[in-house]
Amino acid sequence: MSSSSNLSRSSYSPSDPEAPQNNRNFDQSLSPESHSDSFEESIINAQNEMHQKRILALRKELDYLKATEWKFESDKGISQ
């Protein structure tokens, strides 16, 4: 019989003062404004990631050009 008393203590009570506040928070999380804010943040983060990837790719290309520059030094005199 003690289990039934535990159930009655732990059961949800609609008169719980936190219930309306939780519903309000849930409703606010579904609002279009909150989604647009998180969407804009996601876009900014994606743009930053893409920018960092482009910077790394350009850095690798520059390092490669510097490493192979000696191969093309003899061609300078021919093109001038």
N, C-alpha and C. Protein backbone atom coordinates (compact mmCIF):
# COMPACT_ATOMS: atom_id res chain seq x y z
N MET A 1 0.80 -1.20 0.00
CA MET A 1 0.00 0.00 0.00
C MET A 1 0.85 1.27 0.00
N SER A 2 2.09 1.13 0.35
CA SER A 2 2.95 2.31 0.36
C SER A 2 3.22 2.82 -1.06
N SER A 3 3.16 1.92 -2.03
CA SER A 3 3.39 2.36 -3.41
C SER A 3 2.27 3.27 -3.89
N SER A 4 1.05 3.03 -3.45
CA SER A 4 -0.03 3.92 -3.86
C SER A 4 0.12 5.30 -3.23
N SER A 5 0.65 5.35 -2.03
CA SER A 5 0.86 6.65 -1.41
C SER A 5 1.99 7.39 -2.11
N ASN A 6 3.01 6.66 -2.60
CA ASN A 6 4.08 7.28 -3.37
C ASN A 6 3.56 7.83 -4.70
N LEU A 7 2.65 7.10 -5.31
CA LEU A 7 2.09 7.55 -6.57
C LEU A 7 1.27 8.83 -6.39
N SER A 8 0.54 8.89 -5.32
CA SER A 8 -0.28 10.07 -5.12
C SER A 8 0.58 11.29 -4.82
N ARG A 9 1.72 11.11 -4.20
CA ARG A 9 2.61 12.24 -3.92
C ARG A 9 3.35 12.68 -5.18
N SER A 10 3.68 11.75 -6.05
CA SER A 10 4.48 12.10 -7.21
C SER A 10 3.63 12.39 -8.45
N SER A 11 2.32 12.22 -8.36
CA SER A 11 1.49 12.44 -9.55
C SER A 11 1.39 13.93 -9.85
N TYR A 12 1.12 14.21 -11.11
CA TYR A 12 1.01 15.59 -11.59
C TYR A 12 -0.27 16.21 -11.06
N SER A 13 -0.15 17.38 -10.60
CA SER A 13 -1.32 18.09 -10.10
C SER A 13 -1.58 19.28 -11.02
N PRO A 14 -2.76 19.38 -11.61
CA PRO A 14 -3.05 20.50 -12.49
C PRO A 14 -3.03 21.85 -11.77
N SER A 15 -3.16 21.81 -10.45
CA SER A 15 -3.12 23.06 -9.70
C SER A 15 -1.69 23.44 -9.34
N ASP A 16 -0.73 22.72 -9.88
CA ASP A 16 0.68 23.00 -9.62
C ASP A 16 1.00 24.40 -10.15
N PRO A 17 1.59 25.28 -9.33
CA PRO A 17 1.84 26.65 -9.78
C PRO A 17 2.87 26.74 -10.91
N GLU A 18 3.71 25.73 -11.09
CA GLU A 18 4.71 25.76 -12.15
C GLU A 18 4.12 25.35 -13.50
N ALA A 19 3.00 24.70 -13.50
CA ALA A 19 2.43 24.20 -14.75
C ALA A 19 2.14 25.32 -15.76
N PRO A 20 1.48 26.40 -15.40
CA PRO A 20 1.24 27.45 -16.40
C PRO A 20 2.53 28.08 -16.92
N GLN A 21 3.50 28.21 -16.04
CA GLN A 21 4.77 28.80 -16.46
C GLN A 21 5.46 27.88 -17.47
N ASN A 22 5.43 26.58 -17.21
CA ASN A 22 6.03 25.64 -18.15
C ASN A 22 5.32 25.69 -19.49
N ASN A 23 4.01 25.82 -19.47
CA ASN A 23 3.26 25.92 -20.72
C ASN A 23 3.63 27.19 -21.45
N ARG A 24 3.81 28.28 -20.73
CA ARG A 24 4.19 29.54 -21.36
C ARG A 24 5.56 29.40 -22.01
N ASN A 25 6.51 28.78 -21.31
CA ASN A 25 7.84 28.58 -21.88
C ASN A 25 7.77 27.73 -23.14
N PHE A 26 6.94 26.70 -23.11
CA PHE A 26 6.78 25.85 -24.27
C PHE A 26 6.19 26.63 -25.43
N ASP A 27 5.16 27.44 -25.15
CA ASP A 27 4.55 28.25 -26.19
C ASP A 27 5.53 29.25 -26.76
N GLN A 28 6.38 29.83 -25.91
CA GLN A 28 7.37 30.78 -26.38
C GLN A 28 8.42 30.09 -27.25
N SER A 29 8.74 28.85 -26.92
CA SER A 29 9.73 28.14 -27.73
C SER A 29 9.19 27.81 -29.11
N LEU A 30 7.89 27.79 -29.26
CA LEU A 30 7.28 27.52 -30.56
C LEU A 30 7.01 28.79 -31.35
N SER A 31 7.27 29.93 -30.76
CA SER A 31 6.97 31.18 -31.45
C SER A 31 7.90 31.36 -32.65
N PRO A 32 7.42 31.99 -33.71
CA PRO A 32 8.24 32.20 -34.91
C PRO A 32 9.48 33.05 -34.63
N GLU A 33 9.38 33.97 -33.67
CA GLU A 33 10.51 34.84 -33.37
C GLU A 33 11.70 34.03 -32.85
N SER A 34 11.43 33.07 -31.97
CA SER A 34 12.53 32.29 -31.41
C SER A 34 13.16 31.40 -32.48
N HIS A 35 12.34 30.90 -33.40
CA HIS A 35 12.90 30.07 -34.47
C HIS A 35 13.73 30.90 -35.43
N SER A 36 13.27 32.10 -35.73
CA SER A 36 14.03 32.93 -36.65
C SER A 36 15.36 33.34 -36.05
N ASP A 37 15.37 33.59 -34.74
CA ASP A 37 16.63 33.93 -34.07
C ASP A 37 17.61 32.77 -34.12
N SER A 38 17.13 31.57 -33.80
CA SER A 38 18.03 30.42 -33.83
C SER A 38 18.44 30.09 -35.26
N PHE A 39 17.54 30.33 -36.21
CA PHE A 39 17.86 30.09 -37.62
C PHE A 39 18.95 31.06 -38.07
N GLU A 40 18.81 32.33 -37.69
CA GLU A 40 19.82 33.32 -38.06
C GLU A 40 21.17 32.99 -37.42
N GLU A 41 21.15 32.53 -36.18
CA GLU A 41 22.40 32.13 -35.52
C GLU A 41 23.03 30.95 -36.25
N SER A 42 22.22 30.02 -36.68
CA SER A 42 22.73 28.85 -37.41
C SER A 42 23.36 29.28 -38.73
N ILE A 43 22.73 30.23 -39.41
CA ILE A 43 23.27 30.72 -40.68
C ILE A 43 24.61 31.41 -40.44
N ILE A 44 24.68 32.22 -39.40
CA ILE A 44 25.93 32.92 -39.09
C ILE A 44 27.03 31.92 -38.76
N ASN A 45 26.69 30.91 -37.97
CA ASN A 45 27.68 29.89 -37.62
C ASN A 45 28.15 29.13 -38.86
N ALA A 46 27.22 28.81 -39.75
CA ALA A 46 27.58 28.10 -40.98
C ALA A 46 28.47 28.96 -41.86
N GLN A 47 28.16 30.26 -41.95
CA GLN A 47 28.99 31.16 -42.74
C GLN A 47 30.39 31.27 -42.15
N ASN A 48 30.48 31.33 -40.83
CA ASN A 48 31.79 31.39 -40.19
C ASN A 48 32.60 30.12 -40.45
N GLU A 49 31.93 28.97 -40.38
CA GLU A 49 32.61 27.70 -40.66
C GLU A 49 33.12 27.66 -42.10
N MET A 50 32.28 28.09 -43.03
CA MET A 50 32.67 28.08 -44.44
C MET A 50 33.84 29.04 -44.67
N HIS A 51 33.81 30.17 -44.01
CA HIS A 51 34.90 31.14 -44.13
C HIS A 51 36.21 30.55 -43.62
N GLN A 52 36.14 29.88 -42.47
CA GLN A 52 37.35 29.26 -41.92
C GLN A 52 37.88 28.17 -42.85
N LYS A 53 37.00 27.39 -43.46
CA LYS A 53 37.44 26.35 -44.40
C LYS A 53 38.10 26.97 -45.63
N ARG A 54 37.54 28.09 -46.12
CA ARG A 54 38.15 28.76 -47.28
C ARG A 54 39.52 29.31 -46.92
N ILE A 55 39.64 29.88 -45.73
CA ILE A 55 40.93 30.41 -45.28
C ILE A 55 41.96 29.29 -45.19
N LEU A 56 41.59 28.13 -44.65
CA LEU A 56 42.51 27.00 -44.55
C LEU A 56 42.91 26.50 -45.94
N ALA A 57 41.94 26.45 -46.85
CA ALA A 57 42.24 25.99 -48.22
C ALA A 57 43.20 26.95 -48.90
N LEU A 58 42.96 28.25 -48.73
CA LEU A 58 43.86 29.24 -49.33
C LEU A 58 45.25 29.17 -48.71
N ARG A 59 45.32 28.94 -47.41
CA ARG A 59 46.61 28.82 -46.73
C ARG A 59 47.38 27.61 -47.26
N LYS A 60 46.69 26.48 -47.47
CA LYS A 60 47.34 25.29 -48.02
C LYS A 60 47.84 25.56 -49.44
N GLU A 61 47.02 26.24 -50.23
CA GLU A 61 47.43 26.55 -51.60
C GLU A 61 48.64 27.48 -51.62
N LEU A 62 48.64 28.47 -50.74
CA LEU A 62 49.78 29.38 -50.65
C LEU A 62 51.04 28.64 -50.21
N ASP A 63 50.90 27.76 -49.24
CA ASP A 63 52.06 26.97 -48.80
C ASP A 63 52.60 26.10 -49.93
N TYR A 64 51.68 25.52 -50.73
CA TYR A 64 52.10 24.71 -51.87
C TYR A 64 52.84 25.56 -52.90
N LEU A 65 52.30 26.74 -53.19
CA LEU A 65 52.95 27.63 -54.16
C LEU A 65 54.33 28.06 -53.68
N LYS A 66 54.45 28.33 -52.40
CA LYS A 66 55.76 28.71 -51.85
C LYS A 66 56.73 27.53 -51.92
N ALA A 67 56.23 26.32 -51.67
CA ALA A 67 57.09 25.14 -51.68
C ALA A 67 57.56 24.79 -53.09
N THR A 68 56.75 25.09 -54.09
CA THR A 68 57.10 24.72 -55.47
C THR A 68 57.56 25.92 -56.29
N GLU A 69 57.77 27.04 -55.65
CA GLU A 69 58.18 28.26 -56.36
C GLU A 69 59.50 28.05 -57.10
N TRP A 70 60.41 27.27 -56.56
CA TRP A 70 61.72 27.06 -57.18
C TRP A 70 61.60 26.43 -58.56
N LYS A 71 60.52 25.68 -58.79
CA LYS A 71 60.35 25.02 -60.08
C LYS A 71 60.10 26.03 -61.20
N PHE A 72 59.58 27.17 -60.87
CA PHE A 72 59.16 28.13 -61.89
C PHE A 72 60.06 29.35 -61.96
N GLU A 73 61.12 29.40 -61.16
CA GLU A 73 62.00 30.54 -61.18
C GLU A 73 62.75 30.66 -62.52
N SER A 74 63.06 29.54 -63.14
CA SER A 74 63.77 29.58 -64.42
C SER A 74 62.86 30.06 -65.54
N ASP A 75 61.56 29.94 -65.39
CA ASP A 75 60.63 30.39 -66.43
C ASP A 75 60.46 31.89 -66.47
N LYS A 76 60.90 32.60 -65.44
CA LYS A 76 60.73 34.06 -65.39
C LYS A 76 61.46 34.75 -66.52
N GLY A 77 62.64 34.32 -66.83
CA GLY A 77 63.42 34.95 -67.87
C GLY A 77 62.86 34.72 -69.24
N ILE A 78 62.19 33.62 -69.47
CA ILE A 78 61.66 33.28 -70.79
C ILE A 78 60.45 34.15 -71.13
N SER A 79 59.60 34.39 -70.13
CA SER A 79 58.36 35.14 -70.41
C SER A 79 58.59 36.62 -70.54
N GLN A 80 59.72 37.13 -70.10
CA GLN A 80 59.96 38.58 -70.17
C GLN A 80 60.54 38.97 -71.45
